[in-house]
Amino acid sequence: MKLSAVKRTETGTSASRKARNEGKIPAAIYGKEVETISVLINRKEFENTIREVGYNGVFDIDVEGDTYQVFVKDQDNAALKPEVYHVDLLAFTKGQKVTMSIPVHISGEEQIKEGIVSQSISELEVNIAPAEAPSEYVVDVSELEIGDTVHVSDIKVGDEAELLTDDSLTVVSVSAPEAVEEETTETTEDMPEPEVIGESEDEDSE
């Protein structure tokens, strides 16, 4: 999969806004052996590429005749609409390991009949060759019971990856549902009769 890009000749907020209005995304290509290059990429082509290779997927990008093998290191999105504002693309050479954030997803949650599943970590940071990186790590929680936890150390990242996230951290836990206390309301039969203050007995008339 190859994406085309052109070098940016104008920078700044107004230039970026103009580029986005024209259907382009400002991006930066950089790496250990690559000097940072500011480029513009076609939004639709970028979205189609990511849809095909996945967010952590590797693809080639051609910049006016020079080709780089990259993956999405980071991206900024618009706050109020699903639009990509800027993309950081990390370039690498074959076999080179880089730091990547791999999403962690859970499965089997619907099979837990009792207990509340809480996910504390949504991604793991690993050092790995991008071409060998998985698109995600999946944690099966279907067999968990109340009080059970899954730690980072329980996730098998593979021999090709060096885990950088603290392996003692909790990824998923199952806790008991909070008990709902029933409110007791007094009925009119249980309530004492009101005391009338200031009322005296009528005296007998002579």
N, C-alpha and C. Protein backbone atom coordinates (compact mmCIF):
# COMPACT_ATOMS: atom_id res chain seq x y z
N MET A 1 0.86 -1.19 0.00
CA MET A 1 0.00 0.00 0.00
C MET A 1 0.89 1.23 0.00
N LYS A 2 0.68 2.15 -0.97
CA LYS A 2 1.50 3.34 -1.05
C LYS A 2 0.62 4.58 -1.09
N LEU A 3 1.03 5.57 -0.31
CA LEU A 3 0.33 6.84 -0.23
C LEU A 3 1.24 7.91 -0.81
N SER A 4 0.64 8.87 -1.50
CA SER A 4 1.43 9.95 -2.09
C SER A 4 1.33 11.20 -1.23
N ALA A 5 2.40 11.98 -1.23
CA ALA A 5 2.42 13.23 -0.46
C ALA A 5 3.27 14.25 -1.20
N VAL A 6 3.02 15.51 -0.89
CA VAL A 6 3.83 16.60 -1.45
C VAL A 6 4.38 17.42 -0.30
N LYS A 7 5.57 17.97 -0.51
CA LYS A 7 6.18 18.78 0.54
C LYS A 7 5.40 20.08 0.72
N ARG A 8 5.30 20.50 1.98
CA ARG A 8 4.60 21.75 2.27
C ARG A 8 5.49 22.93 1.94
N THR A 9 4.91 23.88 1.22
CA THR A 9 5.65 25.10 0.90
C THR A 9 5.21 26.25 1.80
N GLU A 10 4.06 26.09 2.45
CA GLU A 10 3.56 27.10 3.36
C GLU A 10 3.21 26.46 4.70
N THR A 11 3.53 27.13 5.77
CA THR A 11 3.21 26.61 7.09
C THR A 11 2.44 27.66 7.87
N GLY A 12 1.98 27.28 9.06
CA GLY A 12 1.20 28.21 9.88
C GLY A 12 -0.26 27.82 9.93
N THR A 13 -1.01 28.47 10.81
CA THR A 13 -2.41 28.15 11.04
C THR A 13 -3.27 28.36 9.81
N SER A 14 -3.12 29.51 9.15
CA SER A 14 -3.95 29.81 7.98
C SER A 14 -3.65 28.86 6.83
N ALA A 15 -2.37 28.50 6.66
CA ALA A 15 -2.00 27.57 5.59
C ALA A 15 -2.55 26.18 5.86
N SER A 16 -2.53 25.77 7.14
CA SER A 16 -3.08 24.45 7.51
C SER A 16 -4.58 24.42 7.30
N ARG A 17 -5.25 25.53 7.66
CA ARG A 17 -6.70 25.59 7.47
C ARG A 17 -7.06 25.52 5.99
N LYS A 18 -6.30 26.22 5.17
CA LYS A 18 -6.54 26.19 3.72
C LYS A 18 -6.34 24.78 3.17
N ALA A 19 -5.29 24.10 3.63
CA ALA A 19 -5.02 22.74 3.16
C ALA A 19 -6.16 21.80 3.54
N ARG A 20 -6.65 21.91 4.78
CA ARG A 20 -7.75 21.04 5.20
C ARG A 20 -9.02 21.33 4.42
N ASN A 21 -9.26 22.58 4.09
CA ASN A 21 -10.43 22.93 3.28
C ASN A 21 -10.34 22.34 1.87
N GLU A 22 -9.11 22.09 1.44
CA GLU A 22 -8.90 21.50 0.11
C GLU A 22 -8.83 19.97 0.17
N GLY A 23 -9.15 19.40 1.34
CA GLY A 23 -9.18 17.94 1.47
C GLY A 23 -7.82 17.32 1.72
N LYS A 24 -6.90 18.10 2.27
CA LYS A 24 -5.56 17.59 2.56
C LYS A 24 -5.28 17.66 4.05
N ILE A 25 -4.37 16.80 4.51
CA ILE A 25 -4.00 16.75 5.92
C ILE A 25 -2.53 17.13 6.07
N PRO A 26 -2.21 18.12 6.88
CA PRO A 26 -0.81 18.40 7.18
C PRO A 26 -0.20 17.23 7.95
N ALA A 27 1.02 16.85 7.60
CA ALA A 27 1.66 15.71 8.25
C ALA A 27 3.15 15.95 8.37
N ALA A 28 3.77 15.20 9.26
CA ALA A 28 5.22 15.26 9.45
C ALA A 28 5.78 13.85 9.38
N ILE A 29 6.83 13.67 8.58
CA ILE A 29 7.52 12.38 8.48
C ILE A 29 8.87 12.54 9.17
N TYR A 30 9.17 11.65 10.11
CA TYR A 30 10.45 11.74 10.80
C TYR A 30 10.88 10.35 11.24
N GLY A 31 12.11 10.21 11.65
CA GLY A 31 12.63 8.93 12.10
C GLY A 31 14.07 9.04 12.51
N LYS A 32 14.61 7.92 12.96
CA LYS A 32 15.99 7.89 13.44
C LYS A 32 16.97 8.28 12.35
N GLU A 33 16.67 7.87 11.13
CA GLU A 33 17.57 8.14 10.01
C GLU A 33 16.94 9.07 8.98
N VAL A 34 15.87 9.76 9.40
CA VAL A 34 15.16 10.65 8.47
C VAL A 34 15.00 12.02 9.11
N GLU A 35 15.44 13.03 8.41
CA GLU A 35 15.23 14.39 8.88
C GLU A 35 13.75 14.74 8.68
N THR A 36 13.17 15.45 9.63
CA THR A 36 11.74 15.74 9.59
C THR A 36 11.34 16.45 8.30
N ILE A 37 10.27 15.92 7.68
CA ILE A 37 9.75 16.48 6.44
C ILE A 37 8.30 16.86 6.66
N SER A 38 7.93 18.09 6.38
CA SER A 38 6.53 18.52 6.47
C SER A 38 5.87 18.32 5.11
N VAL A 39 4.75 17.58 5.12
CA VAL A 39 4.08 17.24 3.86
C VAL A 39 2.58 17.45 3.96
N LEU A 40 1.93 17.32 2.83
CA LEU A 40 0.47 17.30 2.76
C LEU A 40 0.05 15.99 2.12
N ILE A 41 -0.97 15.33 2.72
CA ILE A 41 -1.48 14.08 2.16
C ILE A 41 -2.99 14.22 1.92
N ASN A 42 -3.47 13.49 0.94
CA ASN A 42 -4.89 13.52 0.62
C ASN A 42 -5.69 12.82 1.72
N ARG A 43 -6.71 13.51 2.24
CA ARG A 43 -7.47 12.96 3.37
C ARG A 43 -8.13 11.64 3.02
N LYS A 44 -8.80 11.56 1.87
CA LYS A 44 -9.51 10.32 1.50
C LYS A 44 -8.53 9.17 1.31
N GLU A 45 -7.39 9.45 0.66
CA GLU A 45 -6.40 8.40 0.46
C GLU A 45 -5.84 7.91 1.80
N PHE A 46 -5.62 8.84 2.73
CA PHE A 46 -5.12 8.46 4.05
C PHE A 46 -6.14 7.61 4.78
N GLU A 47 -7.41 8.02 4.78
CA GLU A 47 -8.45 7.26 5.46
C GLU A 47 -8.60 5.87 4.86
N ASN A 48 -8.53 5.76 3.53
CA ASN A 48 -8.62 4.45 2.88
C ASN A 48 -7.43 3.57 3.25
N THR A 49 -6.25 4.17 3.34
CA THR A 49 -5.05 3.42 3.69
C THR A 49 -5.15 2.86 5.11
N ILE A 50 -5.56 3.71 6.06
CA ILE A 50 -5.69 3.27 7.44
C ILE A 50 -6.78 2.23 7.58
N ARG A 51 -7.85 2.38 6.81
CA ARG A 51 -8.93 1.39 6.85
C ARG A 51 -8.42 0.03 6.38
N GLU A 52 -7.47 0.03 5.45
CA GLU A 52 -6.96 -1.22 4.90
C GLU A 52 -5.88 -1.85 5.77
N VAL A 53 -4.94 -1.05 6.27
CA VAL A 53 -3.80 -1.62 7.00
C VAL A 53 -4.00 -1.60 8.52
N GLY A 54 -4.98 -0.79 9.01
CA GLY A 54 -5.17 -0.67 10.45
C GLY A 54 -4.37 0.50 10.99
N TYR A 55 -4.75 0.93 12.19
CA TYR A 55 -4.12 2.12 12.75
C TYR A 55 -2.62 1.93 12.98
N ASN A 56 -2.21 0.72 13.38
CA ASN A 56 -0.78 0.44 13.59
C ASN A 56 -0.13 -0.17 12.37
N GLY A 57 -0.87 -0.21 11.26
CA GLY A 57 -0.35 -0.85 10.06
C GLY A 57 0.78 -0.08 9.40
N VAL A 58 1.61 -0.81 8.68
CA VAL A 58 2.75 -0.22 7.97
C VAL A 58 2.37 0.02 6.52
N PHE A 59 2.80 1.16 6.00
CA PHE A 59 2.56 1.45 4.58
C PHE A 59 3.67 2.34 4.05
N ASP A 60 3.76 2.43 2.74
CA ASP A 60 4.76 3.28 2.10
C ASP A 60 4.15 4.63 1.75
N ILE A 61 4.97 5.65 1.83
CA ILE A 61 4.53 6.97 1.41
C ILE A 61 5.58 7.55 0.47
N ASP A 62 5.11 8.02 -0.68
CA ASP A 62 5.99 8.59 -1.69
C ASP A 62 5.94 10.11 -1.59
N VAL A 63 7.12 10.71 -1.38
CA VAL A 63 7.21 12.17 -1.30
C VAL A 63 8.06 12.66 -2.46
N GLU A 64 7.36 12.99 -3.54
CA GLU A 64 8.02 13.55 -4.73
C GLU A 64 9.20 12.70 -5.19
N GLY A 65 8.96 11.38 -5.24
CA GLY A 65 9.97 10.46 -5.77
C GLY A 65 10.74 9.69 -4.70
N ASP A 66 10.71 10.16 -3.46
CA ASP A 66 11.37 9.45 -2.37
C ASP A 66 10.34 8.65 -1.57
N THR A 67 10.63 7.36 -1.36
CA THR A 67 9.68 6.49 -0.66
C THR A 67 10.16 6.18 0.75
N TYR A 68 9.22 6.26 1.71
CA TYR A 68 9.51 5.96 3.10
C TYR A 68 8.51 4.93 3.60
N GLN A 69 9.01 3.99 4.42
CA GLN A 69 8.12 3.03 5.06
C GLN A 69 7.76 3.60 6.42
N VAL A 70 6.46 3.76 6.69
CA VAL A 70 6.03 4.49 7.88
C VAL A 70 4.85 3.80 8.56
N PHE A 71 4.54 4.28 9.75
CA PHE A 71 3.27 3.97 10.41
C PHE A 71 2.84 5.22 11.17
N VAL A 72 1.57 5.28 11.55
CA VAL A 72 1.04 6.45 12.25
C VAL A 72 1.52 6.43 13.70
N LYS A 73 2.35 7.39 14.05
CA LYS A 73 2.84 7.50 15.42
C LYS A 73 1.84 8.26 16.29
N ASP A 74 1.21 9.27 15.70
CA ASP A 74 0.25 10.07 16.45
C ASP A 74 -0.58 10.87 15.47
N GLN A 75 -1.78 11.25 15.90
CA GLN A 75 -2.61 12.11 15.06
C GLN A 75 -3.50 12.98 15.94
N ASP A 76 -3.75 14.19 15.46
CA ASP A 76 -4.63 15.12 16.15
C ASP A 76 -5.95 15.19 15.40
N ASN A 77 -7.04 15.09 16.15
CA ASN A 77 -8.37 15.14 15.55
C ASN A 77 -9.10 16.40 15.98
N ALA A 78 -10.05 16.83 15.17
CA ALA A 78 -10.88 17.98 15.51
C ALA A 78 -11.72 17.64 16.72
N ALA A 79 -12.01 18.66 17.53
CA ALA A 79 -12.74 18.43 18.78
C ALA A 79 -14.21 18.14 18.55
N LEU A 80 -14.82 18.80 17.58
CA LEU A 80 -16.28 18.72 17.43
C LEU A 80 -16.74 17.93 16.20
N LYS A 81 -15.81 17.44 15.39
CA LYS A 81 -16.21 16.66 14.22
C LYS A 81 -15.13 15.63 13.89
N PRO A 82 -15.52 14.53 13.24
CA PRO A 82 -14.56 13.45 12.95
C PRO A 82 -13.63 13.83 11.80
N GLU A 83 -12.68 14.71 12.08
CA GLU A 83 -11.76 15.16 11.05
C GLU A 83 -10.34 15.16 11.61
N VAL A 84 -9.41 14.60 10.81
CA VAL A 84 -8.01 14.55 11.21
C VAL A 84 -7.36 15.89 10.90
N TYR A 85 -6.72 16.49 11.92
CA TYR A 85 -6.08 17.79 11.75
C TYR A 85 -4.61 17.68 11.38
N HIS A 86 -3.93 16.70 11.96
CA HIS A 86 -2.49 16.56 11.71
C HIS A 86 -2.07 15.13 12.00
N VAL A 87 -1.07 14.65 11.27
CA VAL A 87 -0.60 13.27 11.44
C VAL A 87 0.92 13.26 11.56
N ASP A 88 1.42 12.48 12.54
CA ASP A 88 2.86 12.22 12.66
C ASP A 88 3.13 10.82 12.14
N LEU A 89 4.03 10.71 11.16
CA LEU A 89 4.37 9.43 10.55
C LEU A 89 5.83 9.11 10.89
N LEU A 90 6.03 7.98 11.54
CA LEU A 90 7.38 7.57 11.92
C LEU A 90 7.97 6.66 10.84
N ALA A 91 9.08 7.09 10.27
CA ALA A 91 9.76 6.31 9.24
C ALA A 91 10.80 5.39 9.90
N PHE A 92 10.98 4.22 9.32
CA PHE A 92 11.92 3.24 9.88
C PHE A 92 12.51 2.41 8.77
N THR A 93 13.59 1.70 9.10
CA THR A 93 14.20 0.80 8.14
C THR A 93 13.83 -0.63 8.48
N LYS A 94 13.99 -1.52 7.55
CA LYS A 94 13.60 -2.92 7.74
C LYS A 94 14.33 -3.52 8.94
N GLY A 95 13.54 -4.13 9.85
CA GLY A 95 14.11 -4.79 11.02
C GLY A 95 14.34 -3.87 12.20
N GLN A 96 14.25 -2.57 11.98
CA GLN A 96 14.47 -1.62 13.07
C GLN A 96 13.30 -1.65 14.05
N LYS A 97 13.60 -1.70 15.35
CA LYS A 97 12.56 -1.70 16.36
C LYS A 97 12.29 -0.28 16.84
N VAL A 98 11.02 0.02 17.04
CA VAL A 98 10.62 1.35 17.50
C VAL A 98 9.59 1.17 18.61
N THR A 99 9.34 2.25 19.33
CA THR A 99 8.33 2.23 20.39
C THR A 99 6.95 2.45 19.79
N MET A 100 6.03 1.53 20.09
CA MET A 100 4.68 1.62 19.56
C MET A 100 3.66 1.42 20.69
N SER A 101 2.52 2.06 20.55
CA SER A 101 1.41 1.87 21.50
C SER A 101 0.37 0.96 20.84
N ILE A 102 0.17 -0.21 21.42
CA ILE A 102 -0.75 -1.20 20.85
C ILE A 102 -2.04 -1.20 21.68
N PRO A 103 -3.20 -1.02 21.04
CA PRO A 103 -4.47 -1.01 21.78
C PRO A 103 -4.75 -2.34 22.47
N VAL A 104 -5.42 -2.26 23.63
CA VAL A 104 -5.85 -3.45 24.36
C VAL A 104 -7.38 -3.46 24.38
N HIS A 105 -7.96 -4.52 23.87
CA HIS A 105 -9.42 -4.66 23.85
C HIS A 105 -9.81 -5.89 24.68
N ILE A 106 -11.01 -5.87 25.24
CA ILE A 106 -11.49 -7.02 26.00
C ILE A 106 -12.61 -7.72 25.24
N SER A 107 -12.73 -9.01 25.46
CA SER A 107 -13.78 -9.81 24.83
C SER A 107 -14.40 -10.72 25.87
N GLY A 108 -15.62 -11.19 25.59
CA GLY A 108 -16.30 -12.12 26.50
C GLY A 108 -16.98 -11.46 27.67
N GLU A 109 -17.06 -10.14 27.66
CA GLU A 109 -17.68 -9.43 28.78
C GLU A 109 -19.14 -9.81 28.95
N GLU A 110 -19.81 -10.09 27.83
CA GLU A 110 -21.24 -10.41 27.90
C GLU A 110 -21.50 -11.77 28.56
N GLN A 111 -20.46 -12.60 28.73
CA GLN A 111 -20.65 -13.92 29.34
C GLN A 111 -20.54 -13.88 30.87
N ILE A 112 -20.14 -12.76 31.41
CA ILE A 112 -20.05 -12.62 32.86
C ILE A 112 -21.44 -12.32 33.40
N LYS A 113 -21.99 -13.25 34.18
CA LYS A 113 -23.36 -13.11 34.66
C LYS A 113 -23.46 -12.24 35.91
N GLU A 114 -22.37 -12.14 36.64
CA GLU A 114 -22.39 -11.34 37.86
C GLU A 114 -21.05 -10.62 37.99
N GLY A 115 -21.11 -9.34 38.29
CA GLY A 115 -19.88 -8.57 38.43
C GLY A 115 -19.79 -7.47 37.39
N ILE A 116 -18.99 -6.48 37.72
CA ILE A 116 -18.79 -5.33 36.83
C ILE A 116 -17.35 -5.35 36.34
N VAL A 117 -17.19 -5.33 35.01
CA VAL A 117 -15.86 -5.36 34.40
C VAL A 117 -15.36 -3.94 34.22
N SER A 118 -14.16 -3.67 34.73
CA SER A 118 -13.54 -2.35 34.59
C SER A 118 -12.19 -2.49 33.91
N GLN A 119 -11.99 -1.71 32.85
CA GLN A 119 -10.71 -1.73 32.14
C GLN A 119 -9.91 -0.50 32.51
N SER A 120 -8.71 -0.71 33.04
CA SER A 120 -7.89 0.39 33.53
C SER A 120 -6.86 0.85 32.51
N ILE A 121 -6.42 -0.03 31.64
CA ILE A 121 -5.41 0.29 30.64
C ILE A 121 -5.95 -0.03 29.25
N SER A 122 -5.85 0.92 28.34
CA SER A 122 -6.40 0.74 27.00
C SER A 122 -5.33 0.47 25.95
N GLU A 123 -4.05 0.55 26.33
CA GLU A 123 -2.98 0.26 25.37
C GLU A 123 -1.70 -0.10 26.10
N LEU A 124 -0.85 -0.85 25.42
CA LEU A 124 0.46 -1.23 25.94
C LEU A 124 1.54 -0.60 25.08
N GLU A 125 2.61 -0.19 25.72
CA GLU A 125 3.73 0.37 24.98
C GLU A 125 4.80 -0.71 24.85
N VAL A 126 5.21 -0.97 23.62
CA VAL A 126 6.20 -2.02 23.37
C VAL A 126 7.25 -1.52 22.40
N ASN A 127 8.39 -2.17 22.44
CA ASN A 127 9.46 -1.90 21.48
C ASN A 127 9.46 -3.07 20.51
N ILE A 128 9.19 -2.78 19.24
CA ILE A 128 8.97 -3.86 18.28
C ILE A 128 9.20 -3.35 16.86
N ALA A 129 9.54 -4.26 15.97
CA ALA A 129 9.62 -3.90 14.55
C ALA A 129 8.19 -3.69 14.04
N PRO A 130 7.88 -2.54 13.45
CA PRO A 130 6.50 -2.24 13.05
C PRO A 130 5.84 -3.31 12.19
N ALA A 131 6.61 -3.94 11.35
CA ALA A 131 6.03 -4.96 10.48
C ALA A 131 5.57 -6.18 11.27
N GLU A 132 6.08 -6.36 12.49
CA GLU A 132 5.71 -7.51 13.32
C GLU A 132 4.69 -7.14 14.39
N ALA A 133 4.31 -5.88 14.45
CA ALA A 133 3.41 -5.42 15.51
C ALA A 133 1.97 -5.86 15.24
N PRO A 134 1.28 -6.37 16.27
CA PRO A 134 -0.14 -6.73 16.10
C PRO A 134 -0.99 -5.47 16.07
N SER A 135 -2.17 -5.58 15.52
CA SER A 135 -3.07 -4.43 15.48
C SER A 135 -3.67 -4.16 16.85
N GLU A 136 -3.72 -5.21 17.71
CA GLU A 136 -4.29 -5.07 19.04
C GLU A 136 -3.93 -6.28 19.89
N TYR A 137 -4.06 -6.13 21.20
CA TYR A 137 -3.99 -7.26 22.13
C TYR A 137 -5.40 -7.46 22.68
N VAL A 138 -5.87 -8.71 22.70
CA VAL A 138 -7.22 -9.00 23.15
C VAL A 138 -7.17 -9.79 24.46
N VAL A 139 -7.92 -9.31 25.46
CA VAL A 139 -7.99 -9.99 26.76
C VAL A 139 -9.36 -10.63 26.90
N ASP A 140 -9.39 -11.96 27.04
CA ASP A 140 -10.65 -12.70 27.21
C ASP A 140 -11.03 -12.69 28.69
N VAL A 141 -12.17 -12.10 28.99
CA VAL A 141 -12.60 -11.99 30.40
C VAL A 141 -13.78 -12.92 30.72
N SER A 142 -14.14 -13.78 29.78
CA SER A 142 -15.35 -14.60 29.95
C SER A 142 -15.29 -15.53 31.14
N GLU A 143 -14.08 -15.94 31.58
CA GLU A 143 -13.94 -16.88 32.69
C GLU A 143 -13.69 -16.17 34.03
N LEU A 144 -13.65 -14.85 34.03
CA LEU A 144 -13.35 -14.13 35.26
C LEU A 144 -14.55 -14.08 36.20
N GLU A 145 -14.25 -14.02 37.48
CA GLU A 145 -15.28 -13.90 38.50
C GLU A 145 -15.01 -12.67 39.36
N ILE A 146 -15.94 -12.36 40.24
CA ILE A 146 -15.78 -11.20 41.11
C ILE A 146 -14.50 -11.33 41.94
N GLY A 147 -13.69 -10.29 41.90
CA GLY A 147 -12.42 -10.30 42.62
C GLY A 147 -11.23 -10.63 41.75
N ASP A 148 -11.47 -11.14 40.53
CA ASP A 148 -10.38 -11.49 39.63
C ASP A 148 -9.82 -10.24 38.95
N THR A 149 -8.53 -10.29 38.64
CA THR A 149 -7.87 -9.20 37.93
C THR A 149 -6.95 -9.76 36.86
N VAL A 150 -6.71 -8.97 35.84
CA VAL A 150 -5.73 -9.29 34.81
C VAL A 150 -4.69 -8.19 34.81
N HIS A 151 -3.42 -8.57 34.97
CA HIS A 151 -2.33 -7.60 34.99
C HIS A 151 -1.63 -7.55 33.64
N VAL A 152 -0.84 -6.52 33.46
CA VAL A 152 -0.08 -6.39 32.22
C VAL A 152 0.77 -7.63 31.99
N SER A 153 1.32 -8.18 33.06
CA SER A 153 2.17 -9.37 32.95
C SER A 153 1.43 -10.59 32.42
N ASP A 154 0.09 -10.59 32.51
CA ASP A 154 -0.70 -11.72 32.04
C ASP A 154 -0.92 -11.69 30.52
N ILE A 155 -0.63 -10.57 29.88
CA ILE A 155 -0.82 -10.44 28.44
C ILE A 155 0.45 -10.90 27.73
N LYS A 156 0.31 -11.82 26.80
CA LYS A 156 1.46 -12.34 26.08
C LYS A 156 1.71 -11.45 24.86
N VAL A 157 2.79 -10.69 24.91
CA VAL A 157 3.09 -9.75 23.83
C VAL A 157 3.94 -10.39 22.73
N GLY A 158 4.45 -11.60 22.99
CA GLY A 158 5.26 -12.28 21.98
C GLY A 158 6.74 -12.04 22.18
N ASP A 159 7.54 -12.98 21.68
CA ASP A 159 9.00 -12.88 21.84
C ASP A 159 9.59 -11.74 21.03
N GLU A 160 8.89 -11.32 19.99
CA GLU A 160 9.44 -10.28 19.13
C GLU A 160 9.29 -8.88 19.72
N ALA A 161 8.53 -8.76 20.81
CA ALA A 161 8.25 -7.45 21.40
C ALA A 161 8.89 -7.33 22.77
N GLU A 162 9.39 -6.14 23.08
CA GLU A 162 9.89 -5.82 24.41
C GLU A 162 8.85 -4.96 25.11
N LEU A 163 8.29 -5.45 26.20
CA LEU A 163 7.25 -4.73 26.92
C LEU A 163 7.85 -3.55 27.68
N LEU A 164 7.30 -2.36 27.48
CA LEU A 164 7.79 -1.16 28.15
C LEU A 164 6.84 -0.69 29.25
N THR A 165 5.58 -1.08 29.18
CA THR A 165 4.61 -0.72 30.21
C THR A 165 4.88 -1.52 31.48
N ASP A 166 4.70 -0.91 32.63
CA ASP A 166 4.90 -1.58 33.92
C ASP A 166 4.02 -2.83 34.00
N ASP A 167 4.64 -4.00 34.11
CA ASP A 167 3.87 -5.25 34.06
C ASP A 167 3.07 -5.53 35.33
N SER A 168 3.23 -4.71 36.37
CA SER A 168 2.45 -4.92 37.59
C SER A 168 1.11 -4.18 37.56
N LEU A 169 0.90 -3.37 36.56
CA LEU A 169 -0.34 -2.60 36.48
C LEU A 169 -1.53 -3.49 36.15
N THR A 170 -2.70 -3.12 36.66
CA THR A 170 -3.93 -3.86 36.40
C THR A 170 -4.54 -3.39 35.09
N VAL A 171 -4.89 -4.36 34.25
CA VAL A 171 -5.53 -4.05 32.96
C VAL A 171 -7.04 -4.14 33.09
N VAL A 172 -7.53 -5.24 33.68
CA VAL A 172 -8.96 -5.48 33.83
C VAL A 172 -9.23 -6.03 35.22
N SER A 173 -10.34 -5.63 35.81
CA SER A 173 -10.76 -6.18 37.10
C SER A 173 -12.26 -6.39 37.09
N VAL A 174 -12.71 -7.33 37.92
CA VAL A 174 -14.14 -7.60 38.05
C VAL A 174 -14.53 -7.35 39.50
N SER A 175 -15.46 -6.46 39.71
CA SER A 175 -15.88 -6.11 41.06
C SER A 175 -17.36 -6.42 41.26
N ALA A 176 -17.76 -6.52 42.52
CA ALA A 176 -19.15 -6.81 42.85
C ALA A 176 -20.01 -5.58 42.60
N PRO A 177 -21.25 -5.77 42.15
CA PRO A 177 -22.15 -4.63 41.97
C PRO A 177 -22.41 -3.96 43.30
N GLU A 178 -22.56 -2.66 43.29
CA GLU A 178 -22.83 -1.93 44.53
C GLU A 178 -24.23 -2.27 45.03
N ALA A 179 -24.34 -2.58 46.33
CA ALA A 179 -25.64 -2.90 46.91
C ALA A 179 -26.50 -1.66 46.99
N VAL A 180 -27.76 -1.81 46.65
CA VAL A 180 -28.70 -0.69 46.70
C VAL A 180 -29.48 -0.79 47.99
N GLU A 181 -29.32 0.19 48.87
CA GLU A 181 -30.02 0.18 50.14
C GLU A 181 -31.47 0.61 49.95
N GLU A 182 -32.38 -0.19 50.52
CA GLU A 182 -33.79 0.14 50.40
C GLU A 182 -34.15 1.21 51.42
N GLU A 183 -34.76 2.25 50.95
CA GLU A 183 -35.15 3.34 51.83
C GLU A 183 -36.46 2.96 52.53
N THR A 184 -36.45 3.10 53.85
CA THR A 184 -37.66 2.79 54.61
C THR A 184 -38.45 4.07 54.81
N THR A 185 -39.71 4.00 54.52
CA THR A 185 -40.58 5.17 54.67
C THR A 185 -41.62 4.87 55.74
N GLU A 186 -41.86 5.85 56.59
CA GLU A 186 -42.83 5.67 57.65
C GLU A 186 -44.24 5.83 57.10
N THR A 187 -45.11 4.95 57.53
CA THR A 187 -46.50 5.05 57.11
C THR A 187 -47.25 5.93 58.09
N THR A 188 -48.41 6.32 57.71
CA THR A 188 -49.20 7.20 58.58
C THR A 188 -49.58 6.49 59.87
N GLU A 189 -49.63 5.13 59.82
CA GLU A 189 -49.98 4.38 61.02
C GLU A 189 -48.85 4.40 62.03
N ASP A 190 -47.59 4.47 61.52
CA ASP A 190 -46.44 4.44 62.40
C ASP A 190 -46.11 5.82 62.97
N MET A 191 -46.63 6.85 62.34
CA MET A 191 -46.29 8.19 62.78
C MET A 191 -47.11 8.60 64.00
N PRO A 192 -46.45 9.25 64.96
CA PRO A 192 -47.20 9.67 66.16
C PRO A 192 -48.17 10.78 65.83
N GLU A 193 -49.27 10.84 66.64
CA GLU A 193 -50.25 11.89 66.41
C GLU A 193 -49.66 13.22 66.83
N PRO A 194 -49.97 14.27 66.09
CA PRO A 194 -49.41 15.58 66.42
C PRO A 194 -49.95 16.09 67.75
N GLU A 195 -49.07 16.74 68.48
CA GLU A 195 -49.46 17.30 69.77
C GLU A 195 -49.92 18.73 69.57
N VAL A 196 -51.13 19.06 70.11
CA VAL A 196 -51.68 20.40 69.98
C VAL A 196 -51.24 21.21 71.18
N ILE A 197 -50.55 22.28 70.91
CA ILE A 197 -50.02 23.12 71.97
C ILE A 197 -50.93 24.32 72.19
N GLY A 198 -51.19 24.66 73.45
CA GLY A 198 -51.97 25.85 73.76
C GLY A 198 -53.45 25.60 73.91
N GLU A 199 -53.89 24.35 73.82
CA GLU A 199 -55.31 24.02 73.93
C GLU A 199 -55.60 23.62 75.38
N SER A 200 -56.60 24.19 76.04
CA SER A 200 -56.97 23.86 77.44
C SER A 200 -58.37 23.28 77.48
N GLU A 201 -58.66 22.55 78.55
CA GLU A 201 -59.98 21.93 78.67
C GLU A 201 -61.02 22.99 79.02
N ASP A 202 -62.20 22.84 78.48
CA ASP A 202 -63.29 23.77 78.79
C ASP A 202 -63.74 23.59 80.24
N GLU A 203 -63.87 24.76 80.95
CA GLU A 203 -64.34 24.68 82.34
C GLU A 203 -65.86 24.49 82.38
N ASP A 204 -66.33 23.72 83.40
CA ASP A 204 -67.78 23.51 83.54
C ASP A 204 -68.47 24.82 83.90
N SER A 205 -69.53 25.12 83.26
CA SER A 205 -70.28 26.36 83.57
C SER A 205 -71.11 26.15 84.84
N GLU A 206 -71.20 27.21 85.64
CA GLU A 206 -71.94 27.11 86.89
C GLU A 206 -73.44 27.10 86.60
